[in-house]
Amino acid sequence: MLYRDDFSEEGAARASDLWNYTTVKRILKNQVYLGHTMLGKSKKVSVKSKKKAAVPRDKWAVTKDTHPPLVDKALFQRAQENLGRGSRDYRAYDHVRKSIFGGVAVCGKCGHSLCSCGTVYKGEREKYWYLSCTHQRQDIANPCQGVRIRYSDLVELVRQDLNSLLALSDQEIEELAQEAARRVGSKENLQARKMKRERAEARIATIDKIVTKLYTDNATGKLDDDRLNRMVGDLERESAGLKATLEELGAPSPAQEAMNRYTRFFDLARQYTHLETLDRDTLVTFVDRIEIGPKLYADGSHRIPARANQPYRQSVRIFYKFIGEIKPETREEQVDVPAS
């Protein structure tokens, strides 16, 4: 590690060759590793001063693809997403249960992250391991009723759901994408956008011809300068508005964006075939969040019955990266979960 020439003895004593938290975070957020060059991140306060002030990120001079990237975009994006999650590493402690759902599994009532909890009875550690909501909010219309789910049940449910997506054929994936596109935009909307674009292009062409004719009339004395400037100004403003409309219409439609998101998700899914186990890396690669609802018992209440092992139903909603919830109109139905 290189140090400044004027490093004090006290500072040298504290110095270390190990990277600290701040250094690692700066590296993970640095787009230089994507092959981009970023300039203008700071500027001098004044010409005579040596002090520099930070420049807002949106005003940096960014030149993309100036050198070969050191990491791919997917890995860089995963690093950005994980920077905001709870990342304390408990793997060094054998007595602590290592949940893969930290920051992913949340309470369907209040949105608070579920906590890992449970007991060890007769050596059975997995059987009595739960994810629970301990955030008893009173400022919402329907406060939490102790949302809880067995950890192993949730792992298996998500694993099976992911495997069902990985097993889809190309035709089934295309049908899912088409269905998502229909939910956000119909053929009528696409046709209306096309007609609007054609009308705008035709009007811009007409305006160009009119402006040319006006200048010709002005040159031959048929039109005075004041009237020419007024008419041309009005036409140019109309043309500018039509060109702005064309730019908006040229952007991908909501339906096309939905199709693109499905393409991104299943391009990533094709790197996998079948998941025998579910680990943290695979989970955060595919899943954005999982909403767990309260248990609903046979009598229609959330109250835990006096008798143990009573059957119940529980809502588990999985929201995937890029595409959200698959078929939300059917997946909102509650999922049967074995009683604890």
Protein backbone atom coordinates (compact mmCIF):
# COMPACT_ATOMS: atom_id res chain seq x y z
CA MET A 1 0.00 0.00 0.00
CA LEU A 2 1.26 3.50 -0.84
CA TYR A 3 1.20 6.22 1.79
CA ARG A 4 1.56 9.99 1.53
CA ASP A 5 5.04 11.43 2.19
CA ASP A 6 3.77 13.47 5.14
CA PHE A 7 2.18 10.49 6.90
CA SER A 8 2.51 11.09 10.66
CA GLU A 9 3.92 8.49 13.05
CA GLU A 10 0.53 8.17 14.69
CA GLY A 11 -1.14 7.67 11.33
CA ALA A 12 1.49 5.16 10.24
CA ALA A 13 0.89 3.16 13.42
CA ARG A 14 -2.83 2.89 12.59
CA ALA A 15 -2.25 2.10 8.91
CA SER A 16 -2.94 -1.38 7.66
CA ASP A 17 -2.59 -3.26 4.41
CA LEU A 18 -6.11 -4.64 4.94
CA TRP A 19 -8.97 -2.91 3.10
CA ASN A 20 -11.59 -1.42 5.35
CA TYR A 21 -15.37 -1.29 4.86
CA THR A 22 -15.34 2.09 3.10
CA THR A 23 -12.65 1.05 0.63
CA VAL A 24 -14.46 -2.15 -0.31
CA LYS A 25 -17.78 -0.30 -0.75
CA ARG A 26 -16.14 2.26 -3.06
CA ILE A 27 -14.71 -0.55 -5.17
CA LEU A 28 -18.07 -2.32 -5.42
CA LYS A 29 -19.78 0.89 -6.57
CA ASN A 30 -17.07 1.89 -9.06
CA GLN A 31 -18.25 1.64 -12.68
CA VAL A 32 -14.65 1.55 -13.86
CA TYR A 33 -14.93 -2.21 -13.38
CA LEU A 34 -17.67 -2.23 -16.04
CA GLY A 35 -15.27 -0.72 -18.57
CA HIS A 36 -16.42 2.91 -18.18
CA THR A 37 -14.38 6.05 -17.51
CA MET A 38 -15.79 8.70 -15.16
CA LEU A 39 -14.36 12.21 -15.05
CA GLY A 40 -15.42 15.45 -13.38
CA LYS A 41 -16.33 13.86 -10.02
CA SER A 42 -14.93 16.87 -8.16
CA LYS A 43 -13.95 20.44 -8.90
CA LYS A 44 -11.99 23.22 -7.26
CA VAL A 45 -13.91 25.59 -5.03
CA SER A 46 -12.15 28.49 -6.73
CA VAL A 47 -9.19 29.09 -9.02
CA LYS A 48 -6.95 30.18 -6.15
CA SER A 49 -8.03 27.46 -3.73
CA LYS A 50 -6.68 23.91 -3.54
CA LYS A 51 -9.90 22.64 -1.93
CA LYS A 52 -12.21 20.49 -4.03
CA ALA A 53 -15.94 19.95 -3.82
CA ALA A 54 -17.86 16.86 -4.88
CA VAL A 55 -19.90 17.11 -8.08
CA PRO A 56 -23.37 15.48 -8.21
CA ARG A 57 -23.30 12.08 -9.92
CA ASP A 58 -25.67 13.17 -12.70
CA LYS A 59 -23.15 15.82 -13.78
CA TRP A 60 -20.16 13.50 -14.11
CA ALA A 61 -18.62 13.04 -17.55
CA VAL A 62 -19.11 9.32 -18.20
CA THR A 63 -17.62 7.63 -21.26
CA LYS A 64 -18.75 4.03 -21.64
CA ASP A 65 -16.77 1.04 -22.93
CA THR A 66 -13.36 2.71 -22.88
CA HIS A 67 -11.59 -0.47 -21.74
CA PRO A 68 -12.36 -4.18 -21.26
CA PRO A 69 -14.67 -4.75 -18.24
CA LEU A 70 -13.36 -6.70 -15.27
CA VAL A 71 -16.83 -7.95 -14.24
CA ASP A 72 -20.03 -8.50 -16.21
CA LYS A 73 -23.11 -6.32 -15.79
CA ALA A 74 -25.15 -9.03 -14.04
CA LEU A 75 -22.53 -9.52 -11.32
CA PHE A 76 -22.10 -5.75 -10.85
CA GLN A 77 -25.87 -5.28 -10.54
CA ARG A 78 -26.10 -8.05 -7.92
CA ALA A 79 -23.39 -6.26 -5.93
CA GLN A 80 -25.39 -3.00 -6.02
CA GLU A 81 -28.54 -4.74 -4.80
CA ASN A 82 -26.77 -6.52 -1.97
CA LEU A 83 -25.09 -3.32 -0.75
CA GLY A 84 -28.42 -2.21 0.70
CA ARG A 85 -29.22 -5.48 2.46
CA GLY A 86 -28.31 -6.58 5.94
CA SER A 87 -24.96 -8.24 5.43
CA ARG A 88 -23.67 -9.19 8.87
CA ASP A 89 -21.98 -12.55 8.52
CA TYR A 90 -23.09 -15.10 11.12
CA ARG A 91 -21.54 -18.07 9.32
CA ALA A 92 -18.66 -18.20 11.80
CA TYR A 93 -21.10 -19.02 14.63
CA ASP A 94 -22.29 -22.62 14.63
CA HIS A 95 -25.09 -21.96 17.10
CA VAL A 96 -26.74 -19.36 14.83
CA ARG A 97 -29.15 -20.50 12.16
CA LYS A 98 -28.01 -19.28 8.74
CA SER A 99 -31.15 -18.05 6.97
CA ILE A 100 -30.84 -17.35 3.24
CA PHE A 101 -33.92 -15.10 3.30
CA GLY A 102 -32.45 -12.03 5.05
CA GLY A 103 -33.86 -8.87 3.43
CA VAL A 104 -35.93 -10.99 1.00
CA ALA A 105 -38.72 -12.56 3.08
CA VAL A 106 -41.05 -9.88 4.48
CA CYS A 107 -44.32 -9.76 6.37
CA GLY A 108 -47.29 -9.47 4.03
CA LYS A 109 -49.11 -7.29 6.60
CA CYS A 110 -46.58 -4.61 7.58
CA GLY A 111 -43.69 -5.16 5.15
CA HIS A 112 -41.14 -5.72 7.91
CA SER A 113 -38.37 -8.28 7.33
CA LEU A 114 -38.95 -11.64 8.95
CA CYS A 115 -36.54 -12.74 11.67
CA SER A 116 -35.01 -16.18 12.11
CA CYS A 117 -36.11 -17.84 15.35
CA GLY A 118 -36.97 -21.18 16.89
CA THR A 119 -35.85 -23.84 19.34
CA VAL A 120 -33.92 -27.09 19.32
CA TYR A 121 -36.01 -29.95 20.72
CA LYS A 122 -34.49 -33.42 21.05
CA GLY A 123 -31.74 -32.36 18.68
CA GLU A 124 -34.19 -31.50 15.88
CA ARG A 125 -32.92 -28.12 14.73
CA GLU A 126 -34.56 -27.79 11.30
CA LYS A 127 -38.03 -28.91 12.46
CA TYR A 128 -38.41 -26.02 14.93
CA TRP A 129 -36.80 -23.28 12.83
CA TYR A 130 -39.15 -20.46 11.81
CA LEU A 131 -39.17 -17.06 10.14
CA SER A 132 -41.36 -14.70 12.16
CA CYS A 133 -42.50 -11.07 12.10
CA THR A 134 -41.65 -9.43 15.43
CA HIS A 135 -42.68 -5.95 14.31
CA GLN A 136 -46.05 -5.43 15.99
CA ARG A 137 -47.15 -2.16 14.37
CA GLN A 138 -50.27 -0.48 15.72
CA ASP A 139 -50.46 2.35 13.16
CA ILE A 140 -52.02 0.25 10.38
CA ALA A 141 -55.66 -0.69 9.91
CA ASN A 142 -55.06 -4.43 10.42
CA PRO A 143 -52.07 -4.98 12.73
CA CYS A 144 -49.88 -8.06 12.35
CA GLN A 145 -51.16 -11.29 13.83
CA GLY A 146 -47.80 -12.91 14.38
CA VAL A 147 -46.87 -13.89 10.81
CA ARG A 148 -44.71 -17.03 10.93
CA ILE A 149 -43.62 -19.82 8.59
CA ARG A 150 -41.43 -22.86 9.00
CA TYR A 151 -38.03 -22.21 7.43
CA SER A 152 -37.72 -25.59 5.69
CA ASP A 153 -41.23 -25.23 4.22
CA LEU A 154 -40.38 -21.88 2.68
CA VAL A 155 -37.08 -23.16 1.26
CA GLU A 156 -38.82 -26.09 -0.41
CA LEU A 157 -41.71 -23.98 -1.70
CA VAL A 158 -39.39 -21.44 -3.35
CA ARG A 159 -37.14 -24.20 -4.73
CA GLN A 160 -40.10 -25.97 -6.35
CA ASP A 161 -41.46 -22.72 -7.74
CA LEU A 162 -38.09 -21.83 -9.27
CA ASN A 163 -37.73 -25.31 -10.76
CA SER A 164 -41.16 -24.98 -12.36
CA LEU A 165 -39.91 -21.82 -14.11
CA LEU A 166 -36.60 -23.41 -15.13
CA ALA A 167 -38.52 -26.31 -16.70
CA LEU A 168 -40.65 -24.10 -18.97
CA SER A 169 -40.28 -24.62 -22.70
CA ASP A 170 -39.54 -21.75 -25.08
CA GLN A 171 -43.17 -21.77 -26.20
CA GLU A 172 -44.44 -21.56 -22.60
CA ILE A 173 -42.05 -18.70 -21.88
CA GLU A 174 -43.30 -16.88 -24.98
CA GLU A 175 -46.90 -17.34 -23.83
CA LEU A 176 -46.06 -15.93 -20.38
CA ALA A 177 -44.37 -12.92 -21.94
CA GLN A 178 -47.30 -12.34 -24.30
CA GLU A 179 -49.71 -12.54 -21.39
CA ALA A 180 -47.68 -9.98 -19.44
CA ALA A 181 -47.65 -7.72 -22.49
CA ARG A 182 -51.43 -7.99 -22.81
CA ARG A 183 -51.85 -6.92 -19.19
CA VAL A 184 -50.06 -3.61 -19.78
CA GLY A 185 -50.99 -2.87 -23.40
CA SER A 186 -53.43 -4.16 -25.99
CA LYS A 187 -53.27 -4.39 -29.78
CA GLU A 188 -55.56 -1.37 -29.92
CA ASN A 189 -52.98 0.67 -28.00
CA LEU A 190 -50.20 -0.45 -30.34
CA GLN A 191 -52.31 0.44 -33.38
CA ALA A 192 -53.14 3.85 -31.89
CA ARG A 193 -49.44 4.56 -31.32
CA LYS A 194 -48.68 3.60 -34.92
CA MET A 195 -51.40 5.86 -36.32
CA LYS A 196 -50.31 8.75 -34.10
CA ARG A 197 -46.73 8.37 -35.30
CA GLU A 198 -47.79 8.29 -38.97
CA ARG A 199 -49.94 11.43 -38.55
CA ALA A 200 -47.08 13.28 -36.82
CA GLU A 201 -44.60 12.35 -39.57
CA ALA A 202 -47.05 13.42 -42.29
CA ARG A 203 -47.73 16.76 -40.57
CA ILE A 204 -43.98 17.48 -40.16
CA ALA A 205 -43.47 16.84 -43.89
CA THR A 206 -46.36 19.20 -44.68
CA ILE A 207 -44.92 21.91 -42.41
CA ASP A 208 -41.56 21.69 -44.18
CA LYS A 209 -43.27 22.23 -47.54
CA ILE A 210 -45.30 25.18 -46.18
CA VAL A 211 -42.19 26.86 -44.74
CA THR A 212 -40.37 26.46 -48.08
CA LYS A 213 -43.37 28.02 -49.88
CA LEU A 214 -43.49 30.93 -47.42
CA TYR A 215 -39.83 31.78 -47.99
CA THR A 216 -40.43 31.61 -51.75
CA ASP A 217 -43.36 34.01 -51.47
CA ASN A 218 -41.26 36.33 -49.31
CA ALA A 219 -38.45 36.33 -51.87
CA THR A 220 -40.89 37.23 -54.67
CA GLY A 221 -42.52 39.99 -52.64
CA LYS A 222 -45.82 38.22 -52.06
CA LEU A 223 -45.26 38.05 -48.29
CA ASP A 224 -43.76 40.75 -46.03
CA ASP A 225 -41.01 39.97 -43.49
CA ASP A 226 -43.12 40.49 -40.34
CA ARG A 227 -45.81 38.10 -41.46
CA LEU A 228 -43.19 35.61 -42.64
CA ASN A 229 -41.47 35.55 -39.25
CA ARG A 230 -44.76 35.18 -37.39
CA MET A 231 -46.04 32.32 -39.56
CA VAL A 232 -42.72 30.48 -39.67
CA GLY A 233 -42.35 30.81 -35.88
CA ASP A 234 -45.78 29.24 -35.29
CA LEU A 235 -45.02 26.40 -37.69
CA GLU A 236 -41.61 25.70 -36.15
CA ARG A 237 -43.13 25.51 -32.67
CA GLU A 238 -45.73 23.05 -33.94
CA SER A 239 -43.01 21.03 -35.66
CA ALA A 240 -40.92 20.93 -32.47
CA GLY A 241 -43.92 19.60 -30.52
CA LEU A 242 -44.54 16.90 -33.12
CA LYS A 243 -40.89 15.84 -33.06
CA ALA A 244 -41.04 15.53 -29.27
CA THR A 245 -44.11 13.33 -29.69
CA LEU A 246 -42.22 11.14 -32.17
CA GLU A 247 -39.41 10.70 -29.65
CA GLU A 248 -41.91 9.52 -27.04
CA LEU A 249 -43.52 7.15 -29.52
CA GLY A 250 -40.11 5.84 -30.53
CA ALA A 251 -39.41 4.64 -26.99
CA PRO A 252 -40.44 1.05 -26.17
CA SER A 253 -44.11 0.72 -25.33
CA PRO A 254 -45.14 -0.67 -21.92
CA ALA A 255 -45.98 -3.95 -23.64
CA GLN A 256 -42.55 -4.14 -25.29
CA GLU A 257 -40.84 -3.30 -21.98
CA ALA A 258 -42.72 -6.19 -20.36
CA MET A 259 -41.51 -8.52 -23.11
CA ASN A 260 -37.94 -7.29 -22.65
CA ARG A 261 -38.07 -7.94 -18.88
CA TYR A 262 -39.18 -11.54 -19.46
CA THR A 263 -36.37 -11.99 -21.96
CA ARG A 264 -33.81 -10.78 -19.41
CA PHE A 265 -35.17 -13.05 -16.68
CA PHE A 266 -35.27 -16.23 -18.75
CA ASP A 267 -31.90 -15.54 -20.37
CA LEU A 268 -30.59 -15.69 -16.82
CA ALA A 269 -32.69 -18.76 -16.00
CA ARG A 270 -31.22 -20.69 -18.94
CA GLN A 271 -27.91 -20.79 -17.05
CA TYR A 272 -29.58 -23.26 -14.67
CA THR A 273 -31.32 -26.59 -15.29
CA HIS A 274 -32.64 -27.97 -12.00
CA LEU A 275 -32.07 -26.89 -8.40
CA GLU A 276 -31.45 -29.72 -5.98
CA THR A 277 -30.85 -27.22 -3.16
CA LEU A 278 -31.57 -23.53 -2.75
CA ASP A 279 -28.73 -21.28 -1.58
CA ARG A 280 -28.45 -17.56 -0.92
CA ASP A 281 -26.72 -16.69 -4.21
CA THR A 282 -29.37 -18.42 -6.32
CA LEU A 283 -32.16 -16.86 -4.28
CA VAL A 284 -31.01 -13.25 -4.69
CA THR A 285 -30.22 -13.87 -8.36
CA PHE A 286 -33.85 -14.64 -9.14
CA VAL A 287 -36.03 -13.34 -6.29
CA ASP A 288 -36.64 -9.71 -5.37
CA ARG A 289 -38.87 -10.32 -2.34
CA ILE A 290 -41.24 -12.85 -0.80
CA GLU A 291 -44.37 -11.72 1.05
CA ILE A 292 -45.61 -14.08 3.78
CA GLY A 293 -49.18 -13.68 5.00
CA PRO A 294 -50.70 -14.74 8.34
CA LYS A 295 -52.03 -18.25 8.86
CA LEU A 296 -55.74 -18.77 8.21
CA TYR A 297 -57.28 -21.65 10.14
CA ALA A 298 -60.33 -23.75 9.29
CA ASP A 299 -62.73 -21.50 11.22
CA GLY A 300 -61.63 -18.48 9.13
CA SER A 301 -59.68 -16.80 11.93
CA HIS A 302 -56.00 -16.09 12.48
CA ARG A 303 -56.22 -17.20 16.11
CA ILE A 304 -54.08 -20.20 16.98
CA PRO A 305 -56.47 -23.04 17.89
CA ALA A 306 -56.27 -24.78 21.24
CA ARG A 307 -55.55 -28.14 19.66
CA ALA A 308 -52.16 -28.57 18.06
CA ASN A 309 -51.51 -29.60 14.45
CA GLN A 310 -54.63 -27.99 13.07
CA PRO A 311 -54.53 -27.50 9.26
CA TYR A 312 -54.26 -23.97 7.93
CA ARG A 313 -53.60 -22.04 4.75
CA GLN A 314 -50.99 -19.34 4.29
CA SER A 315 -50.34 -16.85 1.48
CA VAL A 316 -46.80 -16.92 0.03
CA ARG A 317 -46.23 -14.46 -2.82
CA ILE A 318 -42.91 -14.60 -4.72
CA PHE A 319 -41.82 -11.53 -6.68
CA TYR A 320 -39.05 -12.30 -9.16
CA LYS A 321 -36.38 -9.99 -10.53
CA PHE A 322 -37.44 -8.01 -13.64
CA ILE A 323 -40.84 -9.69 -14.01
CA GLY A 324 -42.43 -9.45 -10.57
CA GLU A 325 -45.11 -11.99 -9.66
CA ILE A 326 -45.91 -14.63 -12.26
CA LYS A 327 -49.61 -14.63 -13.16
CA PRO A 328 -50.68 -12.52 -10.15
CA GLU A 329 -54.35 -13.11 -10.89
CA THR A 330 -53.93 -16.80 -10.02
CA ARG A 331 -50.92 -16.79 -7.69
CA GLU A 332 -52.67 -14.60 -5.13
CA GLU A 333 -54.56 -17.69 -4.03
CA GLN A 334 -53.37 -19.02 -0.72
CA VAL A 335 -50.91 -21.90 -0.66
CA ASP A 336 -51.42 -24.92 1.55
CA VAL A 337 -48.58 -25.27 4.06
CA PRO A 338 -48.20 -28.25 6.43
CA ALA A 339 -49.21 -27.50 9.99
CA SER A 340 -46.53 -27.12 12.62
